[in-house]
Amino acid sequence: MRILFLLLGVFLVCTSCAKSEDAFFNETSQKWLLVKMTGSIVYSETTGKDMAWQESLIFNTDGTFIKSRTIEGTEKEAFGTYVKKDNKDYSYLELEYTSGSELKASCGQSETLSIIGGNLLVGSWNICDGPRLEYKQSNK
Protein backbone atom coordinates (compact mmCIF):
# COMPACT_ATOMS: atom_id res chain seq x y z
CA MET A 1 0.00 0.00 0.00
CA ARG A 2 2.87 2.38 0.81
CA ILE A 3 4.33 1.80 -2.63
CA LEU A 4 1.01 2.74 -4.23
CA PHE A 5 0.87 6.01 -2.26
CA LEU A 6 4.52 6.70 -3.05
CA LEU A 7 3.95 6.17 -6.78
CA LEU A 8 0.83 8.34 -6.67
CA GLY A 9 2.77 11.08 -4.87
CA VAL A 10 5.62 10.98 -7.40
CA PHE A 11 3.12 11.12 -10.28
CA LEU A 12 1.31 14.13 -8.79
CA VAL A 13 4.54 16.02 -8.16
CA CYS A 14 5.82 15.34 -11.68
CA THR A 15 2.60 16.31 -13.43
CA SER A 16 2.06 19.46 -11.37
CA CYS A 17 5.60 20.73 -12.05
CA ALA A 18 5.66 19.98 -15.76
CA LYS A 19 4.39 22.67 -18.08
CA SER A 20 3.25 21.26 -21.38
CA GLU A 21 2.92 23.25 -24.58
CA ASP A 22 -0.86 22.67 -24.39
CA ALA A 23 -1.00 24.49 -21.06
CA PHE A 24 1.41 27.07 -22.42
CA PHE A 25 -1.31 28.56 -24.64
CA ASN A 26 -4.29 27.99 -22.34
CA GLU A 27 -3.35 29.27 -18.88
CA THR A 28 -3.08 33.02 -19.52
CA SER A 29 -3.24 35.46 -22.39
CA GLN A 30 0.17 35.98 -23.95
CA LYS A 31 1.77 38.72 -25.97
CA TRP A 32 4.38 37.86 -28.61
CA LEU A 33 6.56 40.38 -30.44
CA LEU A 34 8.06 40.14 -33.92
CA VAL A 35 11.82 40.08 -33.34
CA LYS A 36 13.32 38.98 -36.66
CA MET A 37 12.51 39.06 -40.37
CA THR A 38 14.54 37.08 -42.87
CA GLY A 39 14.02 37.49 -46.61
CA SER A 40 14.86 35.06 -49.37
CA ILE A 41 17.98 37.03 -50.35
CA VAL A 42 21.25 36.17 -48.58
CA TYR A 43 22.06 38.56 -45.68
CA SER A 44 18.54 39.99 -45.65
CA GLU A 45 17.95 39.39 -41.95
CA THR A 46 16.66 42.39 -39.96
CA THR A 47 15.81 42.81 -36.29
CA GLY A 48 14.38 45.48 -34.02
CA LYS A 49 13.75 48.93 -35.48
CA ASP A 50 15.46 47.92 -38.75
CA MET A 51 12.54 45.62 -39.68
CA ALA A 52 10.06 46.76 -42.34
CA TRP A 53 7.35 46.84 -39.64
CA GLN A 54 6.78 46.22 -35.95
CA GLU A 55 4.22 43.63 -34.94
CA SER A 56 2.68 41.96 -31.92
CA LEU A 57 0.34 39.03 -31.43
CA ILE A 58 -1.86 38.56 -28.38
CA PHE A 59 -3.23 35.06 -27.82
CA ASN A 60 -6.22 35.05 -25.47
CA THR A 61 -7.27 32.06 -23.37
CA ASP A 62 -10.61 31.85 -25.21
CA GLY A 63 -8.88 30.90 -28.49
CA THR A 64 -8.94 34.38 -30.04
CA PHE A 65 -6.01 36.52 -31.14
CA ILE A 66 -5.26 40.15 -31.93
CA LYS A 67 -2.47 41.09 -34.32
CA SER A 68 -1.17 44.67 -34.38
CA ARG A 69 1.21 45.91 -37.08
CA THR A 70 2.83 49.35 -37.22
CA ILE A 71 4.34 50.60 -40.47
CA GLU A 72 5.74 54.13 -40.64
CA GLY A 73 3.67 55.22 -37.63
CA THR A 74 0.38 53.75 -38.88
CA GLU A 75 -1.08 50.92 -36.83
CA LYS A 76 -3.47 48.30 -38.19
CA GLU A 77 -5.16 45.49 -36.30
CA ALA A 78 -6.51 42.09 -37.21
CA PHE A 79 -8.64 39.68 -35.22
CA GLY A 80 -9.43 36.00 -35.38
CA THR A 81 -9.23 32.62 -33.75
CA TYR A 82 -6.36 30.18 -33.26
CA VAL A 83 -6.01 26.48 -32.64
CA LYS A 84 -2.93 24.64 -31.43
CA LYS A 85 -2.27 21.54 -33.52
CA ASP A 86 0.18 18.73 -32.99
CA ASN A 87 2.02 16.96 -35.76
CA LYS A 88 4.16 13.90 -35.01
CA ASP A 89 7.29 16.08 -35.42
CA TYR A 90 6.20 19.48 -34.08
CA SER A 91 3.37 21.65 -32.75
CA TYR A 92 1.99 24.74 -34.40
CA LEU A 93 -0.71 27.38 -34.19
CA GLU A 94 -3.18 27.85 -36.99
CA LEU A 95 -4.67 31.35 -37.18
CA GLU A 96 -7.99 32.05 -38.92
CA TYR A 97 -8.74 35.73 -39.53
CA THR A 98 -12.20 37.19 -38.95
CA SER A 99 -11.10 40.74 -39.79
CA GLY A 100 -7.96 42.51 -40.97
CA SER A 101 -6.87 39.66 -43.23
CA GLU A 102 -4.50 42.03 -45.05
CA LEU A 103 -2.15 41.43 -42.10
CA LYS A 104 -2.18 37.67 -42.70
CA ALA A 105 1.42 36.50 -43.24
CA SER A 106 0.64 33.48 -45.36
CA CYS A 107 0.02 32.30 -48.89
CA GLY A 108 -2.88 30.07 -47.81
CA GLN A 109 -6.27 30.42 -46.18
CA SER A 110 -4.84 30.45 -42.67
CA GLU A 111 -1.57 31.57 -41.08
CA THR A 112 0.65 28.94 -39.48
CA LEU A 113 3.17 29.56 -36.70
CA SER A 114 5.45 26.69 -35.65
CA ILE A 115 6.21 26.44 -31.94
CA ILE A 116 9.96 26.04 -31.50
CA GLY A 117 11.14 25.08 -28.02
CA GLY A 118 8.15 26.75 -26.35
CA ASN A 119 9.70 30.22 -26.62
CA LEU A 120 9.80 30.94 -30.36
CA LEU A 121 7.04 31.15 -32.96
CA VAL A 122 8.10 30.94 -36.61
CA GLY A 123 5.80 31.79 -39.50
CA SER A 124 5.60 29.85 -42.74
CA TRP A 125 5.19 32.78 -45.14
CA ASN A 126 8.73 32.22 -46.44
CA ILE A 127 7.65 29.07 -48.31
CA CYS A 128 5.88 31.33 -50.81
CA ASP A 129 8.54 34.09 -51.01
CA GLY A 130 7.40 36.15 -48.03
CA PRO A 131 9.80 36.89 -45.20
CA ARG A 132 10.41 34.37 -42.43
CA LEU A 133 8.90 35.97 -39.32
CA GLU A 134 10.05 35.06 -35.81
CA TYR A 135 8.23 36.02 -32.62
CA LYS A 136 9.31 35.84 -28.99
CA GLN A 137 7.11 36.11 -25.94
CA SER A 138 6.99 39.55 -24.35
CA ASN A 139 7.57 39.90 -20.62
CA LYS A 140 4.95 42.67 -20.46
Foldseek 3Di string as FASTA:
>chain_A
DVVVVVVVVVVVVVVVPDDDLVNLLAVAKFKKWWAWWAFPDPPRIDGDPPDQWIKMKIRGNVFKIKIWIDGPRDIDIWIFGWDWDDDVVFIKIWTATPDDCVPALAPDRIWIWTQDPNFKTWTDSVVVRGIIIIIGIDPD
